[in-house]
Amino acid sequence: MSDRDNSNNFMWFLAGLGFGALMGVLYAPRSGRETREAIKNTAQEGSEYLKTRGREARESMSTWVDRGKEAVSQKKEQISSAIDATRQAYREAAGEAKKSS
């Protein structure tokens, strides 16, 4: 009995879907051609919007990549300077150790 209820409910769903589609066509505020034009225009506007946003995102990412490269370059310079200072301090300490021996 449950299977019959489910199929009956599904049939009512399909009937309601068909009735809704029929009412939508009968009471549409525009003709088919106007509706297709409206859909096409909306799709073109959406496409342009996505292109614009994609271009903006690409520019933003380029800016962030450039900033990241600059930060990495600065840190490399700082590390290089620290290594050079450490080497110099080691050489001086090693030189003083030899003199005192």
PDB file of N, CA and C in Angstrom:
ATOM      1  N   MET A   1       0.821  -1.187   0.000  1.00  0.00           N
ATOM      2  CA  MET A   1       0.000   0.000   0.000  1.00  0.00           C
ATOM      3  C   MET A   1       0.864   1.249   0.000  1.00  0.00           C
ATOM      4  N   SER A   2       2.015   1.164   0.612  1.00  0.00           N
ATOM      5  CA  SER A   2       2.915   2.303   0.669  1.00  0.00           C
ATOM      6  C   SER A   2       3.428   2.669  -0.713  1.00  0.00           C
ATOM      7  N   ASP A   3       3.720   1.658  -1.549  1.00  0.00           N
ATOM      8  CA  ASP A   3       4.189   1.925  -2.904  1.00  0.00           C
ATOM      9  C   ASP A   3       3.123   2.656  -3.708  1.00  0.00           C
ATOM     10  N   ARG A   4       1.869   2.279  -3.517  1.00  0.00           N
ATOM     11  CA  ARG A   4       0.788   2.930  -4.250  1.00  0.00           C
ATOM     12  C   ARG A   4       0.648   4.392  -3.807  1.00  0.00           C
ATOM     13  N   ASP A   5       0.806   4.647  -2.512  1.00  0.00           N
ATOM     14  CA  ASP A   5       0.727   6.020  -2.011  1.00  0.00           C
ATOM     15  C   ASP A   5       1.855   6.868  -2.582  1.00  0.00           C
ATOM     16  N   ASN A   6       3.059   6.306  -2.640  1.00  0.00           N
ATOM     17  CA  ASN A   6       4.198   7.046  -3.175  1.00  0.00           C
ATOM     18  C   ASN A   6       4.004   7.354  -4.648  1.00  0.00           C
ATOM     19  N   SER A   7       3.519   6.376  -5.419  1.00  0.00           N
ATOM     20  CA  SER A   7       3.310   6.631  -6.850  1.00  0.00           C
ATOM     21  C   SER A   7       2.173   7.621  -7.044  1.00  0.00           C
ATOM     22  N   ASN A   8       1.170   7.567  -6.201  1.00  0.00           N
ATOM     23  CA  ASN A   8       0.057   8.512  -6.279  1.00  0.00           C
ATOM     24  C   ASN A   8       0.540   9.918  -5.964  1.00  0.00           C
ATOM     25  N   ASN A   9       1.372  10.054  -4.956  1.00  0.00           N
ATOM     26  CA  ASN A   9       1.931  11.363  -4.606  1.00  0.00           C
ATOM     27  C   ASN A   9       2.800  11.896  -5.736  1.00  0.00           C
ATOM     28  N   PHE A  10       3.574  11.007  -6.338  1.00  0.00           N
ATOM     29  CA  PHE A  10       4.425  11.424  -7.445  1.00  0.00           C
ATOM     30  C   PHE A  10       3.579  11.887  -8.631  1.00  0.00           C
ATOM     31  N   MET A  11       2.492  11.203  -8.892  1.00  0.00           N
ATOM     32  CA  MET A  11       1.592  11.601  -9.994  1.00  0.00           C
ATOM     33  C   MET A  11       0.997  12.981  -9.710  1.00  0.00           C
ATOM     34  N   TRP A  12       0.590  13.218  -8.489  1.00  0.00           N
ATOM     35  CA  TRP A  12       0.056  14.538  -8.141  1.00  0.00           C
ATOM     36  C   TRP A  12       1.132  15.621  -8.290  1.00  0.00           C
ATOM     37  N   PHE A  13       2.358  15.262  -7.909  1.00  0.00           N
ATOM     38  CA  PHE A  13       3.464  16.207  -8.077  1.00  0.00           C
ATOM     39  C   PHE A  13       3.649  16.558  -9.554  1.00  0.00           C
ATOM     40  N   LEU A  14       3.662  15.554 -10.415  1.00  0.00           N
ATOM     41  CA  LEU A  14       3.810  15.799 -11.853  1.00  0.00           C
ATOM     42  C   LEU A  14       2.644  16.612 -12.402  1.00  0.00           C
ATOM     43  N   ALA A  15       1.433  16.312 -11.929  1.00  0.00           N
ATOM     44  CA  ALA A  15       0.264  17.064 -12.383  1.00  0.00           C
ATOM     45  C   ALA A  15       0.401  18.536 -11.966  1.00  0.00           C
ATOM     46  N   GLY A  16       0.842  18.774 -10.751  1.00  0.00           N
ATOM     47  CA  GLY A  16       1.026  20.146 -10.273  1.00  0.00           C
ATOM     48  C   GLY A  16       2.121  20.862 -11.041  1.00  0.00           C
ATOM     49  N   LEU A  17       3.176  20.125 -11.357  1.00  0.00           N
ATOM     50  CA  LEU A  17       4.271  20.700 -12.130  1.00  0.00           C
ATOM     51  C   LEU A  17       3.789  21.106 -13.523  1.00  0.00           C
ATOM     52  N   GLY A  18       3.030  20.218 -14.145  1.00  0.00           N
ATOM     53  CA  GLY A  18       2.484  20.532 -15.474  1.00  0.00           C
ATOM     54  C   GLY A  18       1.523  21.707 -15.418  1.00  0.00           C
ATOM     55  N   PHE A  19       0.661  21.725 -14.422  1.00  0.00           N
ATOM     56  CA  PHE A  19      -0.286  22.826 -14.279  1.00  0.00           C
ATOM     57  C   PHE A  19       0.446  24.148 -14.056  1.00  0.00           C
ATOM     58  N   GLY A  20       1.486  24.141 -13.240  1.00  0.00           N
ATOM     59  CA  GLY A  20       2.262  25.359 -12.991  1.00  0.00           C
ATOM     60  C   GLY A  20       2.951  25.850 -14.251  1.00  0.00           C
ATOM     61  N   ALA A  21       3.501  24.915 -15.036  1.00  0.00           N
ATOM     62  CA  ALA A  21       4.143  25.312 -16.293  1.00  0.00           C
ATOM     63  C   ALA A  21       3.126  25.901 -17.250  1.00  0.00           C
ATOM     64  N   LEU A  22       1.928  25.286 -17.335  1.00  0.00           N
ATOM     65  CA  LEU A  22       0.876  25.797 -18.206  1.00  0.00           C
ATOM     66  C   LEU A  22       0.442  27.191 -17.779  1.00  0.00           C
ATOM     67  N   MET A  23       0.259  27.409 -16.512  1.00  0.00           N
ATOM     68  CA  MET A  23      -0.147  28.730 -16.020  1.00  0.00           C
ATOM     69  C   MET A  23       0.955  29.760 -16.265  1.00  0.00           C
ATOM     70  N   GLY A  24       2.195  29.352 -16.127  1.00  0.00           N
ATOM     71  CA  GLY A  24       3.301  30.265 -16.389  1.00  0.00           C
ATOM     72  C   GLY A  24       3.334  30.705 -17.846  1.00  0.00           C
ATOM     73  N   VAL A  25       3.069  29.780 -18.747  1.00  0.00           N
ATOM     74  CA  VAL A  25       3.057  30.123 -20.173  1.00  0.00           C
ATOM     75  C   VAL A  25       1.861  31.009 -20.499  1.00  0.00           C
ATOM     76  N   LEU A  26       0.706  30.691 -19.941  1.00  0.00           N
ATOM     77  CA  LEU A  26      -0.504  31.468 -20.243  1.00  0.00           C
ATOM     78  C   LEU A  26      -0.448  32.897 -19.699  1.00  0.00           C
ATOM     79  N   TYR A  27       0.146  33.056 -18.543  1.00  0.00           N
ATOM     80  CA  TYR A  27       0.172  34.372 -17.913  1.00  0.00           C
ATOM     81  C   TYR A  27       1.543  35.047 -17.976  1.00  0.00           C
ATOM     82  N   ALA A  28       2.387  34.628 -18.880  1.00  0.00           N
ATOM     83  CA  ALA A  28       3.706  35.238 -19.021  1.00  0.00           C
ATOM     84  C   ALA A  28       3.545  36.698 -19.429  1.00  0.00           C
ATOM     85  N   PRO A  29       4.286  37.612 -18.812  1.00  0.00           N
ATOM     86  CA  PRO A  29       4.137  39.030 -19.129  1.00  0.00           C
ATOM     87  C   PRO A  29       4.748  39.404 -20.478  1.00  0.00           C
ATOM     88  N   ARG A  30       5.535  38.535 -21.060  1.00  0.00           N
ATOM     89  CA  ARG A  30       6.196  38.838 -22.324  1.00  0.00           C
ATOM     90  C   ARG A  30       5.959  37.699 -23.309  1.00  0.00           C
ATOM     91  N   SER A  31       6.202  38.025 -24.559  1.00  0.00           N
ATOM     92  CA  SER A  31       6.126  36.974 -25.570  1.00  0.00           C
ATOM     93  C   SER A  31       7.375  36.104 -25.481  1.00  0.00           C
ATOM     94  N   GLY A  32       7.366  34.992 -26.206  1.00  0.00           N
ATOM     95  CA  GLY A  32       8.517  34.090 -26.190  1.00  0.00           C
ATOM     96  C   GLY A  32       9.782  34.768 -26.676  1.00  0.00           C
ATOM     97  N   ARG A  33       9.674  35.560 -27.734  1.00  0.00           N
ATOM     98  CA  ARG A  33      10.836  36.261 -28.277  1.00  0.00           C
ATOM     99  C   ARG A  33      11.395  37.249 -27.251  1.00  0.00           C
ATOM    100  N   GLU A  34      10.492  38.001 -26.604  1.00  0.00           N
ATOM    101  CA  GLU A  34      10.949  38.972 -25.598  1.00  0.00           C
ATOM    102  C   GLU A  34      11.605  38.255 -24.415  1.00  0.00           C
ATOM    103  N   THR A  35      11.030  37.132 -24.039  1.00  0.00           N
ATOM    104  CA  THR A  35      11.599  36.372 -22.926  1.00  0.00           C
ATOM    105  C   THR A  35      12.986  35.854 -23.279  1.00  0.00           C
ATOM    106  N   ARG A  36      13.131  35.318 -24.501  1.00  0.00           N
ATOM    107  CA  ARG A  36      14.443  34.833 -24.928  1.00  0.00           C
ATOM    108  C   ARG A  36      15.454  35.975 -24.972  1.00  0.00           C
ATOM    109  N   GLU A  37      15.059  37.140 -25.447  1.00  0.00           N
ATOM    110  CA  GLU A  37      15.947  38.308 -25.478  1.00  0.00           C
ATOM    111  C   GLU A  37      16.358  38.708 -24.060  1.00  0.00           C
ATOM    112  N   ALA A  38      15.388  38.701 -23.146  1.00  0.00           N
ATOM    113  CA  ALA A  38      15.693  39.070 -21.756  1.00  0.00           C
ATOM    114  C   ALA A  38      16.687  38.083 -21.153  1.00  0.00           C
ATOM    115  N   ILE A  39      16.482  36.791 -21.421  1.00  0.00           N
ATOM    116  CA  ILE A  39      17.404  35.774 -20.896  1.00  0.00           C
ATOM    117  C   ILE A  39      18.784  35.963 -21.509  1.00  0.00           C
ATOM    118  N   LYS A  40      18.821  36.215 -22.812  1.00  0.00           N
ATOM    119  CA  LYS A  40      20.107  36.412 -23.503  1.00  0.00           C
ATOM    120  C   LYS A  40      20.833  37.628 -22.952  1.00  0.00           C
ATOM    121  N   ASN A  41      20.103  38.733 -22.758  1.00  0.00           N
ATOM    122  CA  ASN A  41      20.726  39.951 -22.223  1.00  0.00           C
ATOM    123  C   ASN A  41      21.244  39.730 -20.807  1.00  0.00           C
ATOM    124  N   THR A  42      20.460  39.035 -20.009  1.00  0.00           N
ATOM    125  CA  THR A  42      20.900  38.752 -18.644  1.00  0.00           C
ATOM    126  C   THR A  42      22.148  37.877 -18.642  1.00  0.00           C
ATOM    127  N   ALA A  43      22.184  36.899 -19.526  1.00  0.00           N
ATOM    128  CA  ALA A  43      23.356  36.038 -19.625  1.00  0.00           C
ATOM    129  C   ALA A  43      24.585  36.834 -20.068  1.00  0.00           C
ATOM    130  N   GLN A  44      24.407  37.754 -21.011  1.00  0.00           N
ATOM    131  CA  GLN A  44      25.533  38.578 -21.463  1.00  0.00           C
ATOM    132  C   GLN A  44      26.018  39.493 -20.349  1.00  0.00           C
ATOM    133  N   GLU A  45      25.081  40.068 -19.599  1.00  0.00           N
ATOM    134  CA  GLU A  45      25.473  40.925 -18.473  1.00  0.00           C
ATOM    135  C   GLU A  45      26.241  40.110 -17.436  1.00  0.00           C
ATOM    136  N   GLY A  46      25.763  38.905 -17.166  1.00  0.00           N
ATOM    137  CA  GLY A  46      26.461  38.037 -16.218  1.00  0.00           C
ATOM    138  C   GLY A  46      27.851  37.684 -16.708  1.00  0.00           C
ATOM    139  N   SER A  47      27.980  37.431 -17.990  1.00  0.00           N
ATOM    140  CA  SER A  47      29.282  37.118 -18.581  1.00  0.00           C
ATOM    141  C   SER A  47      30.235  38.296 -18.447  1.00  0.00           C
ATOM    142  N   GLU A  48      29.754  39.478 -18.740  1.00  0.00           N
ATOM    143  CA  GLU A  48      30.587  40.680 -18.610  1.00  0.00           C
ATOM    144  C   GLU A  48      30.986  40.907 -17.158  1.00  0.00           C
ATOM    145  N   TYR A  49      30.044  40.685 -16.252  1.00  0.00           N
ATOM    146  CA  TYR A  49      30.339  40.843 -14.829  1.00  0.00           C
ATOM    147  C   TYR A  49      31.446  39.878 -14.405  1.00  0.00           C
ATOM    148  N   LEU A  50      31.317  38.612 -14.837  1.00  0.00           N
ATOM    149  CA  LEU A  50      32.335  37.625 -14.477  1.00  0.00           C
ATOM    150  C   LEU A  50      33.691  37.964 -15.077  1.00  0.00           C
ATOM    151  N   LYS A  51      33.701  38.460 -16.321  1.00  0.00           N
ATOM    152  CA  LYS A  51      34.966  38.860 -16.935  1.00  0.00           C
ATOM    153  C   LYS A  51      35.608  39.998 -16.155  1.00  0.00           C
ATOM    154  N   THR A  52      34.794  40.982 -15.778  1.00  0.00           N
ATOM    155  CA  THR A  52      35.305  42.133 -15.027  1.00  0.00           C
ATOM    156  C   THR A  52      35.851  41.685 -13.678  1.00  0.00           C
ATOM    157  N   ARG A  53      35.085  40.868 -12.984  1.00  0.00           N
ATOM    158  CA  ARG A  53      35.534  40.397 -11.668  1.00  0.00           C
ATOM    159  C   ARG A  53      36.785  39.530 -11.799  1.00  0.00           C
ATOM    160  N   GLY A  54      36.869  38.739 -12.847  1.00  0.00           N
ATOM    161  CA  GLY A  54      38.057  37.922 -13.073  1.00  0.00           C
ATOM    162  C   GLY A  54      39.281  38.780 -13.320  1.00  0.00           C
ATOM    163  N   ARG A  55      39.092  39.841 -14.115  1.00  0.00           N
ATOM    164  CA  ARG A  55      40.200  40.755 -14.389  1.00  0.00           C
ATOM    165  C   ARG A  55      40.644  41.445 -13.108  1.00  0.00           C
ATOM    166  N   GLU A  56      39.676  41.887 -12.298  1.00  0.00           N
ATOM    167  CA  GLU A  56      40.014  42.540 -11.030  1.00  0.00           C
ATOM    168  C   GLU A  56      40.733  41.571 -10.092  1.00  0.00           C
ATOM    169  N   ALA A  57      40.272  40.331 -10.045  1.00  0.00           N
ATOM    170  CA  ALA A  57      40.913  39.333  -9.182  1.00  0.00           C
ATOM    171  C   ALA A  57      42.333  39.052  -9.647  1.00  0.00           C
ATOM    172  N   ARG A  58      42.522  38.972 -10.965  1.00  0.00           N
ATOM    173  CA  ARG A  58      43.860  38.732 -11.504  1.00  0.00           C
ATOM    174  C   ARG A  58      44.790  39.884 -11.137  1.00  0.00           C
ATOM    175  N   GLU A  59      44.306  41.127 -11.268  1.00  0.00           N
ATOM    176  CA  GLU A  59      45.129  42.290 -10.919  1.00  0.00           C
ATOM    177  C   GLU A  59      45.447  42.293  -9.430  1.00  0.00           C
ATOM    178  N   SER A  60      44.459  41.960  -8.626  1.00  0.00           N
ATOM    179  CA  SER A  60      44.671  41.914  -7.178  1.00  0.00           C
ATOM    180  C   SER A  60      45.694  40.843  -6.815  1.00  0.00           C
ATOM    181  N   MET A  61      45.569  39.679  -7.430  1.00  0.00           N
ATOM    182  CA  MET A  61      46.527  38.609  -7.154  1.00  0.00           C
ATOM    183  C   MET A  61      47.928  39.000  -7.612  1.00  0.00           C
ATOM    184  N   SER A  62      48.018  39.686  -8.738  1.00  0.00           N
ATOM    185  CA  SER A  62      49.313  40.139  -9.228  1.00  0.00           C
ATOM    186  C   SER A  62      49.949  41.094  -8.220  1.00  0.00           C
ATOM    187  N   THR A  63      49.136  41.992  -7.675  1.00  0.00           N
ATOM    188  CA  THR A  63      49.630  42.926  -6.666  1.00  0.00           C
ATOM    189  C   THR A  63      50.123  42.173  -5.434  1.00  0.00           C
ATOM    190  N   TRP A  64      49.342  41.191  -4.983  1.00  0.00           N
ATOM    191  CA  TRP A  64      49.736  40.425  -3.799  1.00  0.00           C
ATOM    192  C   TRP A  64      50.994  39.606  -4.064  1.00  0.00           C
ATOM    193  N   VAL A  65      51.113  39.061  -5.263  1.00  0.00           N
ATOM    194  CA  VAL A  65      52.317  38.294  -5.601  1.00  0.00           C
ATOM    195  C   VAL A  65      53.535  39.209  -5.596  1.00  0.00           C
ATOM    196  N   ASP A  66      53.384  40.401  -6.165  1.00  0.00           N
ATOM    197  CA  ASP A  66      54.498  41.350  -6.169  1.00  0.00           C
ATOM    198  C   ASP A  66      54.893  41.738  -4.749  1.00  0.00           C
ATOM    199  N   ARG A  67      53.898  41.969  -3.904  1.00  0.00           N
ATOM    200  CA  ARG A  67      54.196  42.297  -2.501  1.00  0.00           C
ATOM    201  C   ARG A  67      54.905  41.134  -1.810  1.00  0.00           C
ATOM    202  N   GLY A  68      54.446  39.921  -2.084  1.00  0.00           N
ATOM    203  CA  GLY A  68      55.080  38.738  -1.497  1.00  0.00           C
ATOM    204  C   GLY A  68      56.519  38.593  -1.949  1.00  0.00           C
ATOM    205  N   LYS A  69      56.762  38.811  -3.247  1.00  0.00           N
ATOM    206  CA  LYS A  69      58.134  38.724  -3.754  1.00  0.00           C
ATOM    207  C   LYS A  69      59.019  39.765  -3.090  1.00  0.00           C
ATOM    208  N   GLU A  70      58.489  40.970  -2.913  1.00  0.00           N
ATOM    209  CA  GLU A  70      59.253  42.039  -2.269  1.00  0.00           C
ATOM    210  C   GLU A  70      59.564  41.670  -0.821  1.00  0.00           C
ATOM    211  N   ALA A  71      58.579  41.120  -0.104  1.00  0.00           N
ATOM    212  CA  ALA A  71      58.795  40.727   1.287  1.00  0.00           C
ATOM    213  C   ALA A  71      59.847  39.621   1.376  1.00  0.00           C
ATOM    214  N   VAL A  72      59.772  38.647   0.485  1.00  0.00           N
ATOM    215  CA  VAL A  72      60.757  37.561   0.474  1.00  0.00           C
ATOM    216  C   VAL A  72      62.143  38.118   0.184  1.00  0.00           C
ATOM    217  N   SER A  73      62.232  39.045  -0.750  1.00  0.00           N
ATOM    218  CA  SER A  73      63.518  39.645  -1.096  1.00  0.00           C
ATOM    219  C   SER A  73      64.106  40.385   0.106  1.00  0.00           C
ATOM    220  N   GLN A  74      63.257  41.129   0.809  1.00  0.00           N
ATOM    221  CA  GLN A  74      63.737  41.852   1.987  1.00  0.00           C
ATOM    222  C   GLN A  74      64.219  40.883   3.064  1.00  0.00           C
ATOM    223  N   LYS A  75      63.473  39.817   3.282  1.00  0.00           N
ATOM    224  CA  LYS A  75      63.868  38.842   4.299  1.00  0.00           C
ATOM    225  C   LYS A  75      65.167  38.140   3.899  1.00  0.00           C
ATOM    226  N   LYS A  76      65.323  37.859   2.615  1.00  0.00           N
ATOM    227  CA  LYS A  76      66.574  37.238   2.157  1.00  0.00           C
ATOM    228  C   LYS A  76      67.749  38.168   2.422  1.00  0.00           C
ATOM    229  N   GLU A  77      67.561  39.456   2.176  1.00  0.00           N
ATOM    230  CA  GLU A  77      68.626  40.420   2.440  1.00  0.00           C
ATOM    231  C   GLU A  77      68.940  40.475   3.928  1.00  0.00           C
ATOM    232  N   GLN A  78      67.900  40.462   4.775  1.00  0.00           N
ATOM    233  CA  GLN A  78      68.112  40.499   6.220  1.00  0.00           C
ATOM    234  C   GLN A  78      68.856  39.247   6.688  1.00  0.00           C
ATOM    235  N   ILE A  79      68.463  38.102   6.163  1.00  0.00           N
ATOM    236  CA  ILE A  79      69.117  36.855   6.557  1.00  0.00           C
ATOM    237  C   ILE A  79      70.567  36.844   6.073  1.00  0.00           C
ATOM    238  N   SER A  80      70.784  37.322   4.859  1.00  0.00           N
ATOM    239  CA  SER A  80      72.140  37.382   4.319  1.00  0.00           C
ATOM    240  C   SER A  80      73.013  38.297   5.170  1.00  0.00           C
ATOM    241  N   SER A  81      72.453  39.436   5.571  1.00  0.00           N
ATOM    242  CA  SER A  81      73.199  40.358   6.429  1.00  0.00           C
ATOM    243  C   SER A  81      73.499  39.718   7.780  1.00  0.00           C
ATOM    244  N   ALA A  82      72.529  38.993   8.328  1.00  0.00           N
ATOM    245  CA  ALA A  82      72.741  38.339   9.621  1.00  0.00           C
ATOM    246  C   ALA A  82      73.811  37.258   9.500  1.00  0.00           C
ATOM    247  N   ILE A  83      73.799  36.513   8.410  1.00  0.00           N
ATOM    248  CA  ILE A  83      74.818  35.472   8.206  1.00  0.00           C
ATOM    249  C   ILE A  83      76.197  36.108   8.070  1.00  0.00           C
ATOM    250  N   ASP A  84      76.273  37.198   7.317  1.00  0.00           N
ATOM    251  CA  ASP A  84      77.567  37.887   7.153  1.00  0.00           C
ATOM    252  C   ASP A  84      78.066  38.410   8.495  1.00  0.00           C
ATOM    253  N   ALA A  85      77.158  38.971   9.299  1.00  0.00           N
ATOM    254  CA  ALA A  85      77.557  39.482  10.614  1.00  0.00           C
ATOM    255  C   ALA A  85      78.019  38.340  11.508  1.00  0.00           C
ATOM    256  N   THR A  86      77.347  37.206  11.416  1.00  0.00           N
ATOM    257  CA  THR A  86      77.745  36.047  12.224  1.00  0.00           C
ATOM    258  C   THR A  86      79.125  35.546  11.803  1.00  0.00           C
ATOM    259  N   ARG A  87      79.365  35.481  10.499  1.00  0.00           N
ATOM    260  CA  ARG A  87      80.679  35.056  10.009  1.00  0.00           C
ATOM    261  C   ARG A  87      81.773  36.007  10.478  1.00  0.00           C
ATOM    262  N   GLN A  88      81.496  37.305  10.397  1.00  0.00           N
ATOM    263  CA  GLN A  88      82.472  38.299  10.810  1.00  0.00           C
ATOM    264  C   GLN A  88      82.764  38.172  12.304  1.00  0.00           C
ATOM    265  N   ALA A  89      81.697  37.988  13.094  1.00  0.00           N
ATOM    266  CA  ALA A  89      81.897  37.837  14.539  1.00  0.00           C
ATOM    267  C   ALA A  89      82.684  36.565  14.836  1.00  0.00           C
ATOM    268  N   TYR A  90      82.431  35.496  14.110  1.00  0.00           N
ATOM    269  CA  TYR A  90      83.175  34.245  14.303  1.00  0.00           C
ATOM    270  C   TYR A  90      84.640  34.441  13.960  1.00  0.00           C
ATOM    271  N   ARG A  91      84.905  35.118  12.845  1.00  0.00           N
ATOM    272  CA  ARG A  91      86.294  35.361  12.448  1.00  0.00           C
ATOM    273  C   ARG A  91      87.026  36.191  13.500  1.00  0.00           C
ATOM    274  N   GLU A  92      86.340  37.209  14.007  1.00  0.00           N
ATOM    275  CA  GLU A  92      86.977  38.051  15.032  1.00  0.00           C
ATOM    276  C   GLU A  92      87.229  37.258  16.298  1.00  0.00           C
ATOM    277  N   ALA A  93      86.243  36.424  16.683  1.00  0.00           N
ATOM    278  CA  ALA A  93      86.417  35.620  17.895  1.00  0.00           C
ATOM    279  C   ALA A  93      87.524  34.589  17.699  1.00  0.00           C
ATOM    280  N   ALA A  94      87.590  34.006  16.516  1.00  0.00           N
ATOM    281  CA  ALA A  94      88.636  33.017  16.230  1.00  0.00           C
ATOM    282  C   ALA A  94      89.999  33.698  16.195  1.00  0.00           C
ATOM    283  N   GLY A  95      90.069  34.912  15.656  1.00  0.00           N
ATOM    284  CA  GLY A  95      91.333  35.650  15.612  1.00  0.00           C
ATOM    285  C   GLY A  95      91.808  36.026  16.984  1.00  0.00           C
ATOM    286  N   GLU A  96      90.903  36.445  17.868  1.00  0.00           N
ATOM    287  CA  GLU A  96      91.281  36.796  19.238  1.00  0.00           C
ATOM    288  C   GLU A  96      91.719  35.559  20.002  1.00  0.00           C
ATOM    289  N   ALA A  97      91.084  34.402  19.717  1.00  0.00           N
ATOM    290  CA  ALA A  97      91.434  33.159  20.414  1.00  0.00           C
ATOM    291  C   ALA A  97      92.860  32.756  20.024  1.00  0.00           C
ATOM    292  N   LYS A  98      93.234  32.951  18.736  1.00  0.00           N
ATOM    293  CA  LYS A  98      94.591  32.603  18.284  1.00  0.00           C
ATOM    294  C   LYS A  98      95.625  33.529  18.916  1.00  0.00           C
ATOM    295  N   LYS A  99      95.270  34.808  19.042  1.00  0.00           N
ATOM    296  CA  LYS A  99      96.229  35.774  19.626  1.00  0.00           C
ATOM    297  C   LYS A  99      96.471  35.470  21.102  1.00  0.00           C
ATOM    298  N   SER A 100      95.446  35.058  21.814  1.00  0.00           N
ATOM    299  CA  SER A 100      95.615  34.812  23.243  1.00  0.00           C
ATOM    300  C   SER A 100      96.290  33.460  23.501  1.00  0.00           C
ATOM    301  N   SER A 101      96.351  32.595  22.525  1.00  0.00           N
ATOM    302  CA  SER A 101      96.991  31.283  22.724  1.00  0.00           C
ATOM    303  C   SER A 101      98.463  31.350  22.675  1.00  0.00           C
TER     304      SER A 101
END
